Amino acid sequence: MTNDIDYSQLGKRIKRYRQKAHKTQEQLAFEMDIATSTIAHAENGTSKPSLPLLLKVANALNVTLDQLVCDSLPVIDTYIEKDIADLLSDCTTTEKQILRDIIAVTKETMRKHR
């Protein structure tokens, strides 16, 4: 296991939580009193957000800091399961069935090509 932060994945999580909160980059930046470009760079993984900035983001999006950086910590299955449950929470039954099938095929393909 590496202790390096995957800033691309961090950015994707920031974006996902921002969208889940129904906020634009501009709205989030305004709430945090920072430049919109700061949010854009963080979401694109082109910057390395400081701890104080990550705390501001977490507070503004009403998530915990570990939810933002979970792949940079020793991952506990419950975090991953919660993220999956969050992704599925607004899906219809049909969408869930399709996603289940996609996951099954992806899992099979990954294991064949290890």
C-alpha atoms as a PDB file:
ATOM      1  CA  MET A   1       0.000   0.000   0.000  1.00  0.00           C
ATOM      2  CA  THR A   2       1.184   3.482  -0.789  1.00  0.00           C
ATOM      3  CA  ASN A   3       0.580   6.602   1.273  1.00  0.00           C
ATOM      4  CA  ASP A   4       0.441   8.828  -1.802  1.00  0.00           C
ATOM      5  CA  ILE A   5      -2.724  10.799  -2.394  1.00  0.00           C
ATOM      6  CA  ASP A   6      -4.434  10.155  -5.726  1.00  0.00           C
ATOM      7  CA  TYR A   7      -5.430  13.740  -6.512  1.00  0.00           C
ATOM      8  CA  SER A   8      -7.418  12.678  -9.556  1.00  0.00           C
ATOM      9  CA  GLN A   9      -9.635  10.427  -7.444  1.00  0.00           C
ATOM     10  CA  LEU A  10      -9.834  13.063  -4.726  1.00  0.00           C
ATOM     11  CA  GLY A  11     -11.074  15.539  -7.323  1.00  0.00           C
ATOM     12  CA  LYS A  12     -13.670  13.092  -8.614  1.00  0.00           C
ATOM     13  CA  ARG A  13     -15.004  12.603  -5.100  1.00  0.00           C
ATOM     14  CA  ILE A  14     -15.156  16.359  -4.483  1.00  0.00           C
ATOM     15  CA  LYS A  15     -17.099  16.754  -7.718  1.00  0.00           C
ATOM     16  CA  ARG A  16     -19.436  13.875  -6.899  1.00  0.00           C
ATOM     17  CA  TYR A  17     -20.224  15.246  -3.421  1.00  0.00           C
ATOM     18  CA  ARG A  18     -20.644  18.767  -4.846  1.00  0.00           C
ATOM     19  CA  GLN A  19     -23.100  17.539  -7.462  1.00  0.00           C
ATOM     20  CA  LYS A  20     -24.928  15.446  -4.880  1.00  0.00           C
ATOM     21  CA  ALA A  21     -25.344  18.664  -2.865  1.00  0.00           C
ATOM     22  CA  HIS A  22     -26.778  20.304  -6.022  1.00  0.00           C
ATOM     23  CA  LYS A  23     -24.106  22.999  -6.039  1.00  0.00           C
ATOM     24  CA  THR A  24     -22.170  24.461  -8.928  1.00  0.00           C
ATOM     25  CA  GLN A  25     -18.463  25.113  -8.656  1.00  0.00           C
ATOM     26  CA  GLU A  26     -19.321  28.799  -8.450  1.00  0.00           C
ATOM     27  CA  GLN A  27     -21.773  28.294  -5.584  1.00  0.00           C
ATOM     28  CA  LEU A  28     -19.329  26.160  -3.634  1.00  0.00           C
ATOM     29  CA  ALA A  29     -16.500  28.623  -4.192  1.00  0.00           C
ATOM     30  CA  PHE A  30     -18.714  31.525  -3.078  1.00  0.00           C
ATOM     31  CA  GLU A  31     -19.700  29.677   0.113  1.00  0.00           C
ATOM     32  CA  MET A  32     -16.050  28.947   0.837  1.00  0.00           C
ATOM     33  CA  ASP A  33     -14.897  32.470  -0.118  1.00  0.00           C
ATOM     34  CA  ILE A  34     -12.372  31.167  -2.633  1.00  0.00           C
ATOM     35  CA  ALA A  35     -11.883  31.411  -6.388  1.00  0.00           C
ATOM     36  CA  THR A  36     -13.970  29.130  -8.605  1.00  0.00           C
ATOM     37  CA  SER A  37     -10.743  28.083 -10.320  1.00  0.00           C
ATOM     38  CA  THR A  38      -9.541  26.624  -7.005  1.00  0.00           C
ATOM     39  CA  ILE A  39     -12.510  24.252  -7.011  1.00  0.00           C
ATOM     40  CA  ALA A  40     -12.029  23.474 -10.706  1.00  0.00           C
ATOM     41  CA  HIS A  41      -8.340  22.639 -10.225  1.00  0.00           C
ATOM     42  CA  ALA A  42      -9.109  20.452  -7.208  1.00  0.00           C
ATOM     43  CA  GLU A  43     -11.827  18.568  -9.103  1.00  0.00           C
ATOM     44  CA  ASN A  44      -9.590  18.091 -12.150  1.00  0.00           C
ATOM     45  CA  GLY A  45      -6.727  16.811 -10.013  1.00  0.00           C
ATOM     46  CA  THR A  46      -4.426  19.530 -11.333  1.00  0.00           C
ATOM     47  CA  SER A  47      -3.677  20.946  -7.891  1.00  0.00           C
ATOM     48  CA  LYS A  48      -2.793  19.570  -4.490  1.00  0.00           C
ATOM     49  CA  PRO A  49      -5.367  21.070  -2.116  1.00  0.00           C
ATOM     50  CA  SER A  50      -4.078  21.960   1.322  1.00  0.00           C
ATOM     51  CA  LEU A  51      -5.515  20.420   4.462  1.00  0.00           C
ATOM     52  CA  PRO A  52      -7.297  23.685   5.412  1.00  0.00           C
ATOM     53  CA  LEU A  53      -8.883  23.800   1.942  1.00  0.00           C
ATOM     54  CA  LEU A  54      -9.990  20.162   2.184  1.00  0.00           C
ATOM     55  CA  LEU A  55     -11.537  20.888   5.579  1.00  0.00           C
ATOM     56  CA  LYS A  56     -13.435  23.840   4.071  1.00  0.00           C
ATOM     57  CA  VAL A  57     -14.645  21.649   1.207  1.00  0.00           C
ATOM     58  CA  ALA A  58     -15.735  18.884   3.564  1.00  0.00           C
ATOM     59  CA  ASN A  59     -17.625  21.334   5.786  1.00  0.00           C
ATOM     60  CA  ALA A  60     -19.263  23.097   2.834  1.00  0.00           C
ATOM     61  CA  LEU A  61     -20.408  19.766   1.378  1.00  0.00           C
ATOM     62  CA  ASN A  62     -21.375  18.312   4.753  1.00  0.00           C
ATOM     63  CA  VAL A  63     -19.073  15.302   4.405  1.00  0.00           C
ATOM     64  CA  THR A  64     -16.180  14.080   6.485  1.00  0.00           C
ATOM     65  CA  LEU A  65     -12.570  14.574   5.525  1.00  0.00           C
ATOM     66  CA  ASP A  66     -12.026  10.832   5.323  1.00  0.00           C
ATOM     67  CA  GLN A  67     -14.867  10.574   2.797  1.00  0.00           C
ATOM     68  CA  LEU A  68     -12.862  12.899   0.541  1.00  0.00           C
ATOM     69  CA  VAL A  69      -9.494  11.176   0.925  1.00  0.00           C
ATOM     70  CA  CYS A  70     -10.610   7.597   1.598  1.00  0.00           C
ATOM     71  CA  ASP A  71      -8.473   5.992  -1.125  1.00  0.00           C
ATOM     72  CA  SER A  72      -5.415   7.585   0.449  1.00  0.00           C
ATOM     73  CA  LEU A  73      -6.080   5.876   3.783  1.00  0.00           C
ATOM     74  CA  PRO A  74      -6.130   2.201   4.571  1.00  0.00           C
ATOM     75  CA  VAL A  75      -9.543   1.616   3.027  1.00  0.00           C
ATOM     76  CA  ILE A  76     -12.198   0.002   5.150  1.00  0.00           C
ATOM     77  CA  ASP A  77     -14.828  -1.882   3.185  1.00  0.00           C
ATOM     78  CA  THR A  78     -17.604   0.090   4.840  1.00  0.00           C
ATOM     79  CA  TYR A  79     -16.422   3.303   3.152  1.00  0.00           C
ATOM     80  CA  ILE A  80     -16.538   1.667  -0.252  1.00  0.00           C
ATOM     81  CA  GLU A  81     -19.898   0.090   0.474  1.00  0.00           C
ATOM     82  CA  LYS A  82     -21.275   3.448   1.629  1.00  0.00           C
ATOM     83  CA  ASP A  83     -20.018   5.142  -1.542  1.00  0.00           C
ATOM     84  CA  ILE A  84     -21.702   2.447  -3.652  1.00  0.00           C
ATOM     85  CA  ALA A  85     -24.915   2.773  -1.665  1.00  0.00           C
ATOM     86  CA  ASP A  86     -24.797   6.573  -2.173  1.00  0.00           C
ATOM     87  CA  LEU A  87     -24.360   6.104  -5.911  1.00  0.00           C
ATOM     88  CA  LEU A  88     -27.308   3.718  -6.057  1.00  0.00           C
ATOM     89  CA  SER A  89     -29.585   5.675  -3.725  1.00  0.00           C
ATOM     90  CA  ASP A  90     -31.351   7.629  -6.465  1.00  0.00           C
ATOM     91  CA  CYS A  91     -31.429   4.841  -9.068  1.00  0.00           C
ATOM     92  CA  THR A  92     -34.531   3.059 -10.232  1.00  0.00           C
ATOM     93  CA  THR A  93     -34.769  -0.711  -9.894  1.00  0.00           C
ATOM     94  CA  THR A  94     -34.032  -1.067 -13.598  1.00  0.00           C
ATOM     95  CA  GLU A  95     -30.948   1.141 -13.315  1.00  0.00           C
ATOM     96  CA  LYS A  96     -29.735  -0.906 -10.341  1.00  0.00           C
ATOM     97  CA  GLN A  97     -30.167  -4.133 -12.332  1.00  0.00           C
ATOM     98  CA  ILE A  98     -28.189  -2.698 -15.242  1.00  0.00           C
ATOM     99  CA  LEU A  99     -25.425  -1.501 -12.925  1.00  0.00           C
ATOM    100  CA  ARG A 100     -25.325  -4.907 -11.217  1.00  0.00           C
ATOM    101  CA  ASP A 101     -24.848  -6.556 -14.625  1.00  0.00           C
ATOM    102  CA  ILE A 102     -22.121  -4.055 -15.565  1.00  0.00           C
ATOM    103  CA  ILE A 103     -20.301  -4.716 -12.292  1.00  0.00           C
ATOM    104  CA  ALA A 104     -20.526  -8.487 -12.790  1.00  0.00           C
ATOM    105  CA  VAL A 105     -19.062  -8.298 -16.317  1.00  0.00           C
ATOM    106  CA  THR A 106     -16.375  -5.819 -15.247  1.00  0.00           C
ATOM    107  CA  LYS A 107     -15.375  -7.983 -12.299  1.00  0.00           C
ATOM    108  CA  GLU A 108     -15.139 -11.059 -14.498  1.00  0.00           C
ATOM    109  CA  THR A 109     -13.040  -9.207 -17.093  1.00  0.00           C
ATOM    110  CA  MET A 110     -10.691  -7.776 -14.456  1.00  0.00           C
ATOM    111  CA  ARG A 111     -10.064 -11.188 -12.967  1.00  0.00           C
ATOM    112  CA  LYS A 112      -9.377 -12.741 -16.376  1.00  0.00           C
ATOM    113  CA  HIS A 113      -6.750 -10.095 -17.190  1.00  0.00           C
ATOM    114  CA  ARG A 114      -4.819  -9.900 -13.928  1.00  0.00           C
END
